[in-house]
Protein backbone atom coordinates (compact mmCIF):
# COMPACT_ATOMS: atom_id res chain seq x y z
CA MET A 1 17.13 13.77 9.67
CA ASP A 2 14.31 16.16 10.49
CA THR A 3 11.18 13.98 10.39
CA LEU A 4 8.07 13.21 12.39
CA LEU A 5 8.17 9.58 11.27
CA PRO A 6 9.72 6.65 13.15
CA ALA A 7 13.37 6.16 12.24
CA GLU A 8 12.84 2.52 11.17
CA LEU A 9 10.19 3.60 8.65
CA VAL A 10 12.38 6.32 7.15
CA GLU A 11 15.39 3.99 6.94
CA LYS A 12 13.29 1.29 5.24
CA ALA A 13 11.99 3.91 2.78
CA ARG A 14 15.57 5.05 2.05
CA ASP A 15 16.59 1.44 1.37
CA ILE A 16 13.64 0.94 -1.00
CA ILE A 17 14.35 4.17 -2.90
CA ASP A 18 18.04 3.24 -3.26
CA LYS A 19 17.32 -0.32 -4.43
CA ASN A 20 14.68 0.76 -6.93
CA ARG A 21 16.90 3.54 -8.22
CA GLU A 22 19.64 0.98 -8.81
CA ALA A 23 17.12 -1.32 -10.54
CA ARG A 24 15.79 1.65 -12.59
CA ARG A 25 12.26 0.95 -11.44
CA ARG A 26 9.56 3.51 -10.78
CA ILE A 27 7.20 2.70 -7.94
CA ALA A 28 3.70 3.79 -6.88
CA LEU A 29 1.14 2.96 -4.23
CA ALA A 30 -2.59 2.57 -3.70
CA GLU A 31 -3.16 3.12 0.02
CA SER A 32 -6.27 2.67 2.10
CA CYS A 33 -5.73 1.88 5.80
CA THR A 34 -2.27 3.49 5.79
CA GLY A 35 -3.78 6.78 4.60
CA GLY A 36 -0.67 7.93 2.76
CA LEU A 37 1.86 6.90 5.41
CA VAL A 38 3.92 4.83 2.97
CA GLY A 39 4.02 7.65 0.43
CA THR A 40 4.97 10.08 3.19
CA ALA A 41 7.87 7.85 4.22
CA LEU A 42 9.13 7.61 0.63
CA THR A 43 8.99 11.39 0.17
CA GLU A 44 11.11 11.89 3.31
CA ILE A 45 14.03 10.76 1.15
CA PRO A 46 15.63 13.64 -0.80
CA GLY A 47 15.60 12.94 -4.54
CA SER A 48 12.97 10.21 -4.27
CA SER A 49 10.97 11.73 -7.13
CA ASP A 50 13.19 9.97 -9.67
CA VAL A 51 11.85 6.65 -8.32
CA PHE A 52 8.55 7.36 -6.56
CA VAL A 53 5.66 8.32 -8.85
CA GLY A 54 3.03 8.81 -6.17
CA SER A 55 0.39 7.34 -3.91
CA LEU A 56 -3.34 7.26 -4.42
CA VAL A 57 -5.05 7.38 -1.05
CA THR A 58 -8.41 5.73 -1.62
CA TYR A 59 -9.83 5.40 1.86
CA ALA A 60 -13.54 5.22 1.06
CA ASN A 61 -15.01 2.55 -1.19
CA SER A 62 -16.30 5.26 -3.51
CA ALA A 63 -12.72 6.50 -4.02
CA LYS A 64 -11.50 2.97 -4.72
CA HIS A 65 -14.18 2.68 -7.39
CA VAL A 66 -13.82 6.14 -8.97
CA GLN A 67 -10.03 6.56 -8.81
CA LEU A 68 -8.81 2.98 -9.20
CA SER A 69 -11.73 1.38 -11.06
CA VAL A 70 -12.34 -1.23 -8.37
CA PRO A 71 -15.67 -2.73 -9.45
CA THR A 72 -18.56 -1.97 -7.09
CA GLU A 73 -19.51 -5.65 -7.39
CA THR A 74 -16.10 -6.60 -5.92
CA LEU A 75 -16.51 -4.15 -3.05
CA ASP A 76 -20.07 -5.32 -2.37
CA ARG A 77 -19.34 -9.05 -2.66
CA CYS A 78 -15.85 -9.27 -1.10
CA GLY A 79 -15.54 -6.07 0.93
CA ALA A 80 -12.84 -3.42 1.00
CA VAL A 81 -10.51 -5.68 2.98
CA SER A 82 -10.13 -8.57 0.56
CA ALA A 83 -7.63 -10.07 -1.86
CA GLU A 84 -9.92 -9.20 -4.75
CA THR A 85 -10.09 -5.53 -3.77
CA ALA A 86 -6.34 -5.33 -3.12
CA LYS A 87 -5.64 -6.81 -6.57
CA ALA A 88 -8.04 -4.42 -8.29
CA MET A 89 -6.47 -1.48 -6.43
CA ALA A 90 -2.97 -2.50 -7.53
CA ARG A 91 -4.04 -3.03 -11.15
CA GLY A 92 -5.85 0.31 -11.22
CA ALA A 93 -2.87 2.20 -9.79
CA LEU A 94 -0.49 0.46 -12.19
CA ARG A 95 -2.68 1.45 -15.13
CA ILE A 96 -2.89 5.14 -14.26
CA SER A 97 0.49 5.78 -12.62
CA GLY A 98 2.95 4.77 -15.30
CA ALA A 99 5.03 3.04 -12.61
CA ASP A 100 6.83 -0.25 -13.09
CA VAL A 101 5.55 -1.72 -9.82
CA VAL A 102 2.66 -0.85 -7.53
CA VAL A 103 1.76 -2.06 -4.06
CA SER A 104 -1.75 -1.67 -2.67
CA ILE A 105 -2.67 -1.78 1.01
CA THR A 106 -6.13 -2.32 2.51
CA GLY A 107 -6.96 -3.41 6.03
CA VAL A 108 -8.52 -2.91 9.43
CA ALA A 109 -6.40 -0.56 11.54
CA GLY A 110 -8.89 -0.27 14.40
CA PRO A 111 -9.80 0.38 17.04
CA ASP A 112 -13.20 -0.53 15.55
CA GLY A 113 -14.24 -2.11 12.29
CA GLY A 114 -12.93 -5.59 12.89
CA SER A 115 -14.97 -8.76 12.69
CA GLU A 116 -14.47 -12.43 13.49
CA GLU A 117 -13.33 -13.06 9.90
CA LYS A 118 -11.28 -9.86 9.64
CA PRO A 119 -10.14 -8.74 13.09
CA VAL A 120 -8.29 -5.50 13.77
CA GLY A 121 -4.78 -5.95 12.40
CA THR A 122 -5.88 -7.76 9.23
CA VAL A 123 -4.09 -6.13 6.29
CA ILE A 124 -4.06 -7.31 2.69
CA PHE A 125 -1.43 -6.25 0.18
CA ALA A 126 -1.16 -6.73 -3.57
CA ARG A 127 1.83 -6.13 -5.84
CA ALA A 128 1.40 -5.62 -9.56
CA ILE A 129 4.35 -5.39 -11.95
CA ARG A 130 4.05 -3.89 -15.41
CA GLY A 131 4.06 -6.59 -18.07
CA GLU A 132 3.12 -9.40 -15.68
CA GLN A 133 -0.37 -10.88 -15.53
CA LYS A 134 -0.06 -12.37 -12.05
CA VAL A 135 -0.63 -10.07 -9.08
CA LEU A 136 0.99 -11.17 -5.81
CA VAL A 137 -1.32 -11.04 -2.80
CA ALA A 138 -0.18 -11.21 0.82
CA GLU A 139 -2.32 -11.15 3.94
CA GLU A 140 -0.99 -10.28 7.37
CA ALA A 141 -2.56 -10.59 10.81
CA PHE A 142 -0.63 -7.91 12.66
CA ALA A 143 -0.80 -7.64 16.43
CA ASN A 144 -3.44 -5.18 17.56
CA THR A 145 -0.98 -2.62 18.90
CA GLY A 146 -3.43 0.24 18.41
CA ARG A 147 -4.31 2.11 15.23
CA GLY A 148 -0.88 3.70 14.87
CA GLY A 149 0.90 0.43 15.51
CA VAL A 150 -1.11 -1.47 12.90
CA ARG A 151 -0.53 1.28 10.35
CA LEU A 152 3.23 1.30 11.03
CA GLN A 153 3.45 -2.49 10.68
CA ALA A 154 1.47 -2.29 7.42
CA ALA A 155 3.69 0.50 6.06
CA LEU A 156 6.87 -1.46 6.77
CA ALA A 157 5.41 -4.57 5.11
CA ALA A 158 4.30 -2.57 2.07
CA LEU A 159 7.80 -1.14 1.66
CA SER A 160 9.25 -4.64 1.76
CA LEU A 161 6.97 -5.61 -1.12
CA LEU A 162 8.55 -2.84 -3.21
CA GLU A 163 11.99 -4.48 -3.10
CA PRO A 164 13.26 -5.39 -6.56
């Protein structure tokens, strides 16, 4: 396949599109630290538009607030890289996308921006499913393999969360 993306990412995206097509689920994303990488991987798959609704790339806090309705109080109190923000991102994307399931991704890709509490490689995911109140939250402490490496690890993990 003609792609700039790593083969493992494209193959994982193909698997997710196929499984969600079979399950008749439409999927969407709210991406921050991955900057659209997960959506890019999904759109590498021909015909993915019957499954993949889209990805909202809300990198800045202001975009999280305006586009996904993440409360400014949540961003101020908990920070962009928090379970509360990831949940609000997923709920916001679910509300506006029309998808059946949404995964949000927010984290510290590096090389700067980390702290003792949230070092580089900290990534928080949330999965919201239409009709369900509970939002699943997962936190990963990926190895600091550089900005690209953290983003790739986060993209692969986000795709796994889209499995039916």
